[in-house]
Amino acid sequence: MKVLIVTLYFPPAGGGGVQRPLKLAQYLPALGIETHVLAPDDPKWVHRDPDLRVPTQAWIHRVRYVGPRARKPTEELAASEGLGRMLLQAQVTARRLLLPDASVTW
């Protein structure tokens, strides 16, 4: 049997979201399951944890991360006034409601 784990969070990234895919990649090969992990190569915004070890029994496939464009809506809003500010606020709100997961494109 083969398993493909597609995850945005995998070592050297750190944080709470790393633990489940990391443990799956560590323990599934021990059960005789061929495990492949598809993870981004280097998302710059992710917290790093150098103490986490990448499992040696699993196949790790790194792909280029093409994340959302970096936006700073609070700075945009602070620089604008009046009607322009209201329109910017409406755009920011629409983006957050219609696409709540910024990493959906990955």
N, C-alpha and C. Protein backbone atom coordinates (compact mmCIF):
# COMPACT_ATOMS: atom_id res chain seq x y z
N MET A 1 0.85 -1.18 0.00
CA MET A 1 0.00 0.00 0.00
C MET A 1 0.89 1.24 0.00
N LYS A 2 0.43 2.27 -0.69
CA LYS A 2 1.15 3.55 -0.74
C LYS A 2 0.25 4.66 -0.22
N VAL A 3 0.87 5.61 0.46
CA VAL A 3 0.14 6.76 1.00
C VAL A 3 0.89 8.03 0.60
N LEU A 4 0.13 9.02 0.15
CA LEU A 4 0.69 10.34 -0.15
C LEU A 4 0.12 11.33 0.85
N ILE A 5 0.99 11.96 1.61
CA ILE A 5 0.58 12.99 2.57
C ILE A 5 0.91 14.35 1.95
N VAL A 6 -0.11 15.13 1.68
CA VAL A 6 0.08 16.48 1.14
C VAL A 6 -0.09 17.45 2.30
N THR A 7 0.98 18.15 2.63
CA THR A 7 0.93 19.03 3.79
C THR A 7 1.70 20.32 3.53
N LEU A 8 1.17 21.39 4.06
CA LEU A 8 1.86 22.68 3.98
C LEU A 8 2.89 22.80 5.09
N TYR A 9 2.71 22.02 6.17
CA TYR A 9 3.57 22.11 7.34
C TYR A 9 4.34 20.81 7.51
N PHE A 10 5.64 20.87 7.32
CA PHE A 10 6.49 19.70 7.50
C PHE A 10 7.89 20.19 7.83
N PRO A 11 8.65 19.47 8.65
CA PRO A 11 9.98 19.94 9.03
C PRO A 11 10.83 20.30 7.81
N PRO A 12 11.59 21.36 7.91
CA PRO A 12 12.06 22.06 9.10
C PRO A 12 11.09 23.07 9.68
N ALA A 13 9.87 23.14 9.15
CA ALA A 13 8.88 24.04 9.74
C ALA A 13 8.52 23.55 11.14
N GLY A 14 8.14 24.47 11.99
CA GLY A 14 7.75 24.11 13.34
C GLY A 14 6.32 24.53 13.60
N GLY A 15 5.87 24.28 14.81
CA GLY A 15 4.52 24.65 15.20
C GLY A 15 3.62 23.45 15.36
N GLY A 16 2.39 23.71 15.77
CA GLY A 16 1.45 22.63 16.06
C GLY A 16 1.00 21.85 14.84
N GLY A 17 0.92 22.49 13.68
CA GLY A 17 0.44 21.81 12.49
C GLY A 17 1.43 20.81 11.90
N VAL A 18 2.64 20.79 12.40
CA VAL A 18 3.67 19.90 11.87
C VAL A 18 3.57 18.50 12.46
N GLN A 19 3.08 18.40 13.67
CA GLN A 19 3.17 17.14 14.41
C GLN A 19 2.43 15.97 13.75
N ARG A 20 1.21 16.18 13.29
CA ARG A 20 0.45 15.07 12.72
C ARG A 20 1.09 14.51 11.45
N PRO A 21 1.41 15.35 10.43
CA PRO A 21 2.06 14.76 9.25
C PRO A 21 3.43 14.17 9.56
N LEU A 22 4.15 14.76 10.50
CA LEU A 22 5.46 14.23 10.87
C LEU A 22 5.33 12.84 11.49
N LYS A 23 4.41 12.68 12.41
CA LYS A 23 4.22 11.37 13.06
C LYS A 23 3.71 10.33 12.08
N LEU A 24 2.81 10.74 11.16
CA LEU A 24 2.35 9.80 10.14
C LEU A 24 3.52 9.33 9.28
N ALA A 25 4.39 10.26 8.88
CA ALA A 25 5.53 9.90 8.05
C ALA A 25 6.54 9.05 8.81
N GLN A 26 6.56 9.15 10.13
CA GLN A 26 7.48 8.34 10.93
C GLN A 26 6.96 6.93 11.15
N TYR A 27 5.67 6.80 11.44
CA TYR A 27 5.15 5.51 11.89
C TYR A 27 4.49 4.66 10.81
N LEU A 28 4.02 5.24 9.72
CA LEU A 28 3.40 4.43 8.66
C LEU A 28 4.40 3.48 7.99
N PRO A 29 5.64 3.89 7.71
CA PRO A 29 6.59 2.94 7.12
C PRO A 29 6.86 1.72 8.01
N ALA A 30 6.77 1.90 9.31
CA ALA A 30 6.98 0.77 10.23
C ALA A 30 5.87 -0.28 10.09
N LEU A 31 4.73 0.12 9.55
CA LEU A 31 3.61 -0.80 9.33
C LEU A 31 3.65 -1.40 7.93
N GLY A 32 4.71 -1.12 7.18
CA GLY A 32 4.84 -1.66 5.84
C GLY A 32 4.15 -0.83 4.78
N ILE A 33 3.81 0.39 5.09
CA ILE A 33 3.13 1.28 4.14
C ILE A 33 4.16 2.23 3.54
N GLU A 34 4.25 2.22 2.21
CA GLU A 34 5.17 3.13 1.53
C GLU A 34 4.60 4.54 1.63
N THR A 35 5.35 5.42 2.26
CA THR A 35 4.85 6.76 2.57
C THR A 35 5.61 7.82 1.79
N HIS A 36 4.86 8.67 1.10
CA HIS A 36 5.41 9.81 0.37
C HIS A 36 4.81 11.07 0.97
N VAL A 37 5.64 12.09 1.14
CA VAL A 37 5.18 13.37 1.68
C VAL A 37 5.44 14.45 0.63
N LEU A 38 4.41 15.21 0.30
CA LEU A 38 4.53 16.34 -0.62
C LEU A 38 4.43 17.61 0.22
N ALA A 39 5.53 18.37 0.27
CA ALA A 39 5.60 19.56 1.12
C ALA A 39 6.30 20.68 0.36
N PRO A 40 6.04 21.93 0.75
CA PRO A 40 6.71 23.06 0.08
C PRO A 40 8.20 23.08 0.38
N ASP A 41 8.95 23.64 -0.54
CA ASP A 41 10.40 23.66 -0.39
C ASP A 41 10.86 24.62 0.70
N ASP A 42 10.40 25.85 0.67
CA ASP A 42 10.88 26.81 1.67
C ASP A 42 9.91 27.97 1.81
N PRO A 43 8.75 27.75 2.44
CA PRO A 43 7.88 28.89 2.69
C PRO A 43 8.52 29.78 3.76
N LYS A 44 8.83 30.99 3.41
CA LYS A 44 9.61 31.87 4.28
C LYS A 44 8.85 32.31 5.53
N TRP A 45 7.54 32.20 5.51
CA TRP A 45 6.75 32.72 6.61
C TRP A 45 6.54 31.71 7.73
N VAL A 46 6.97 30.48 7.53
CA VAL A 46 6.72 29.43 8.51
C VAL A 46 7.78 29.47 9.60
N HIS A 47 7.35 29.25 10.85
CA HIS A 47 8.27 29.15 11.98
C HIS A 47 9.15 27.91 11.80
N ARG A 48 10.41 28.02 12.07
CA ARG A 48 11.33 26.89 11.91
C ARG A 48 11.65 26.26 13.26
N ASP A 49 11.79 24.94 13.25
CA ASP A 49 12.18 24.20 14.44
C ASP A 49 13.31 23.25 14.05
N PRO A 50 14.56 23.62 14.33
CA PRO A 50 15.69 22.78 13.90
C PRO A 50 15.78 21.44 14.63
N ASP A 51 15.06 21.28 15.74
CA ASP A 51 15.12 20.03 16.50
C ASP A 51 14.27 18.92 15.89
N LEU A 52 13.31 19.26 15.02
CA LEU A 52 12.48 18.24 14.39
C LEU A 52 13.28 17.52 13.32
N ARG A 53 13.21 16.20 13.34
CA ARG A 53 13.96 15.41 12.37
C ARG A 53 13.03 14.88 11.30
N VAL A 54 13.47 14.98 10.07
CA VAL A 54 12.71 14.44 8.95
C VAL A 54 12.89 12.92 8.95
N PRO A 55 11.80 12.16 8.87
CA PRO A 55 11.93 10.70 8.89
C PRO A 55 12.70 10.18 7.68
N THR A 56 13.55 9.19 7.93
CA THR A 56 14.38 8.66 6.85
C THR A 56 13.68 7.56 6.06
N GLN A 57 12.63 6.95 6.61
CA GLN A 57 11.95 5.86 5.92
C GLN A 57 10.94 6.35 4.89
N ALA A 58 10.51 7.59 4.98
CA ALA A 58 9.49 8.13 4.07
C ALA A 58 10.17 8.88 2.93
N TRP A 59 9.51 8.90 1.79
CA TRP A 59 9.98 9.67 0.64
C TRP A 59 9.45 11.10 0.79
N ILE A 60 10.35 12.07 0.81
CA ILE A 60 9.95 13.47 0.95
C ILE A 60 10.13 14.16 -0.40
N HIS A 61 9.04 14.70 -0.93
CA HIS A 61 9.07 15.41 -2.20
C HIS A 61 8.82 16.89 -1.92
N ARG A 62 9.78 17.72 -2.26
CA ARG A 62 9.65 19.16 -2.06
C ARG A 62 9.29 19.82 -3.38
N VAL A 63 8.30 20.69 -3.33
CA VAL A 63 7.89 21.44 -4.52
C VAL A 63 7.97 22.93 -4.21
N ARG A 64 8.10 23.71 -5.25
CA ARG A 64 8.20 25.17 -5.09
C ARG A 64 6.88 25.70 -4.54
N TYR A 65 6.98 26.51 -3.52
CA TYR A 65 5.79 27.10 -2.90
C TYR A 65 5.46 28.40 -3.61
N VAL A 66 4.28 28.46 -4.17
CA VAL A 66 3.79 29.70 -4.78
C VAL A 66 2.62 30.15 -3.92
N GLY A 67 2.92 30.98 -2.95
CA GLY A 67 1.90 31.41 -2.02
C GLY A 67 1.16 32.63 -2.50
N PRO A 68 0.24 33.10 -1.70
CA PRO A 68 -0.51 34.31 -2.06
C PRO A 68 0.42 35.51 -2.09
N ARG A 69 0.04 36.49 -2.88
CA ARG A 69 0.83 37.72 -2.92
C ARG A 69 0.83 38.35 -1.53
N ALA A 70 1.96 38.85 -1.14
CA ALA A 70 2.07 39.48 0.17
C ALA A 70 1.27 40.78 0.17
N ARG A 71 0.33 40.87 1.06
CA ARG A 71 -0.49 42.08 1.17
C ARG A 71 -0.46 42.56 2.61
N LYS A 72 -0.53 43.83 2.76
CA LYS A 72 -0.58 44.41 4.08
C LYS A 72 -1.77 45.35 4.13
N PRO A 73 -2.98 44.79 4.28
CA PRO A 73 -4.18 45.63 4.21
C PRO A 73 -4.24 46.70 5.30
N THR A 74 -3.68 46.42 6.47
CA THR A 74 -3.76 47.43 7.52
C THR A 74 -2.93 48.66 7.16
N GLU A 75 -1.78 48.44 6.51
CA GLU A 75 -0.97 49.58 6.09
C GLU A 75 -1.65 50.33 4.96
N GLU A 76 -2.31 49.59 4.05
CA GLU A 76 -3.04 50.24 2.97
C GLU A 76 -4.17 51.10 3.54
N LEU A 77 -4.87 50.56 4.53
CA LEU A 77 -5.99 51.29 5.12
C LEU A 77 -5.51 52.50 5.90
N ALA A 78 -4.37 52.38 6.56
CA ALA A 78 -3.87 53.51 7.35
C ALA A 78 -3.47 54.67 6.44
N ALA A 79 -3.04 54.36 5.22
CA ALA A 79 -2.59 55.41 4.31
C ALA A 79 -3.74 56.09 3.58
N SER A 80 -4.92 55.50 3.58
CA SER A 80 -6.03 56.07 2.81
C SER A 80 -7.05 56.72 3.74
N GLU A 81 -7.88 57.57 3.13
CA GLU A 81 -8.91 58.29 3.90
C GLU A 81 -10.21 58.30 3.13
N GLY A 82 -11.29 58.56 3.83
CA GLY A 82 -12.60 58.77 3.21
C GLY A 82 -13.13 57.60 2.43
N LEU A 83 -13.62 57.91 1.22
CA LEU A 83 -14.23 56.89 0.37
C LEU A 83 -13.23 55.82 -0.06
N GLY A 84 -12.00 56.24 -0.32
CA GLY A 84 -10.95 55.28 -0.69
C GLY A 84 -10.72 54.25 0.40
N ARG A 85 -10.76 54.70 1.65
CA ARG A 85 -10.58 53.79 2.78
C ARG A 85 -11.74 52.81 2.88
N MET A 86 -12.96 53.30 2.64
CA MET A 86 -14.13 52.42 2.70
C MET A 86 -14.07 51.37 1.60
N LEU A 87 -13.65 51.76 0.40
CA LEU A 87 -13.53 50.80 -0.70
C LEU A 87 -12.45 49.75 -0.42
N LEU A 88 -11.33 50.20 0.12
CA LEU A 88 -10.27 49.26 0.48
C LEU A 88 -10.74 48.29 1.55
N GLN A 89 -11.46 48.80 2.54
CA GLN A 89 -11.98 47.93 3.61
C GLN A 89 -12.95 46.90 3.03
N ALA A 90 -13.78 47.30 2.08
CA ALA A 90 -14.71 46.37 1.44
C ALA A 90 -13.94 45.29 0.67
N GLN A 91 -12.87 45.66 -0.02
CA GLN A 91 -12.06 44.68 -0.75
C GLN A 91 -11.39 43.69 0.19
N VAL A 92 -10.84 44.20 1.28
CA VAL A 92 -10.17 43.33 2.26
C VAL A 92 -11.18 42.36 2.86
N THR A 93 -12.35 42.86 3.22
CA THR A 93 -13.38 42.01 3.81
C THR A 93 -13.84 40.95 2.81
N ALA A 94 -14.04 41.33 1.57
CA ALA A 94 -14.46 40.37 0.55
C ALA A 94 -13.40 39.29 0.35
N ARG A 95 -12.12 39.66 0.33
CA ARG A 95 -11.05 38.67 0.18
C ARG A 95 -11.07 37.67 1.32
N ARG A 96 -11.26 38.16 2.53
CA ARG A 96 -11.23 37.27 3.69
C ARG A 96 -12.45 36.36 3.75
N LEU A 97 -13.59 36.85 3.30
CA LEU A 97 -14.81 36.03 3.34
C LEU A 97 -14.86 35.02 2.20
N LEU A 98 -14.47 35.43 1.02
CA LEU A 98 -14.58 34.56 -0.14
C LEU A 98 -13.43 33.56 -0.24
N LEU A 99 -12.29 33.88 0.30
CA LEU A 99 -11.14 32.99 0.26
C LEU A 99 -10.47 32.99 1.63
N PRO A 100 -11.07 32.28 2.61
CA PRO A 100 -10.54 32.34 3.97
C PRO A 100 -9.19 31.65 4.13
N ASP A 101 -8.87 30.70 3.25
CA ASP A 101 -7.60 30.00 3.34
C ASP A 101 -6.63 30.59 2.33
N ALA A 102 -5.66 31.32 2.82
CA ALA A 102 -4.71 31.99 1.93
C ALA A 102 -3.82 31.01 1.17
N SER A 103 -3.74 29.77 1.62
CA SER A 103 -2.86 28.79 0.98
C SER A 103 -3.61 27.82 0.09
N VAL A 104 -4.83 28.13 -0.28
CA VAL A 104 -5.64 27.22 -1.09
C VAL A 104 -5.02 26.99 -2.47
N THR A 105 -4.27 27.94 -2.98
CA THR A 105 -3.66 27.78 -4.30
C THR A 105 -2.53 26.77 -4.28
N TRP A 106 -1.92 26.53 -3.14
CA TRP A 106 -0.85 25.58 -3.07
C TRP A 106 -1.41 24.19 -3.15
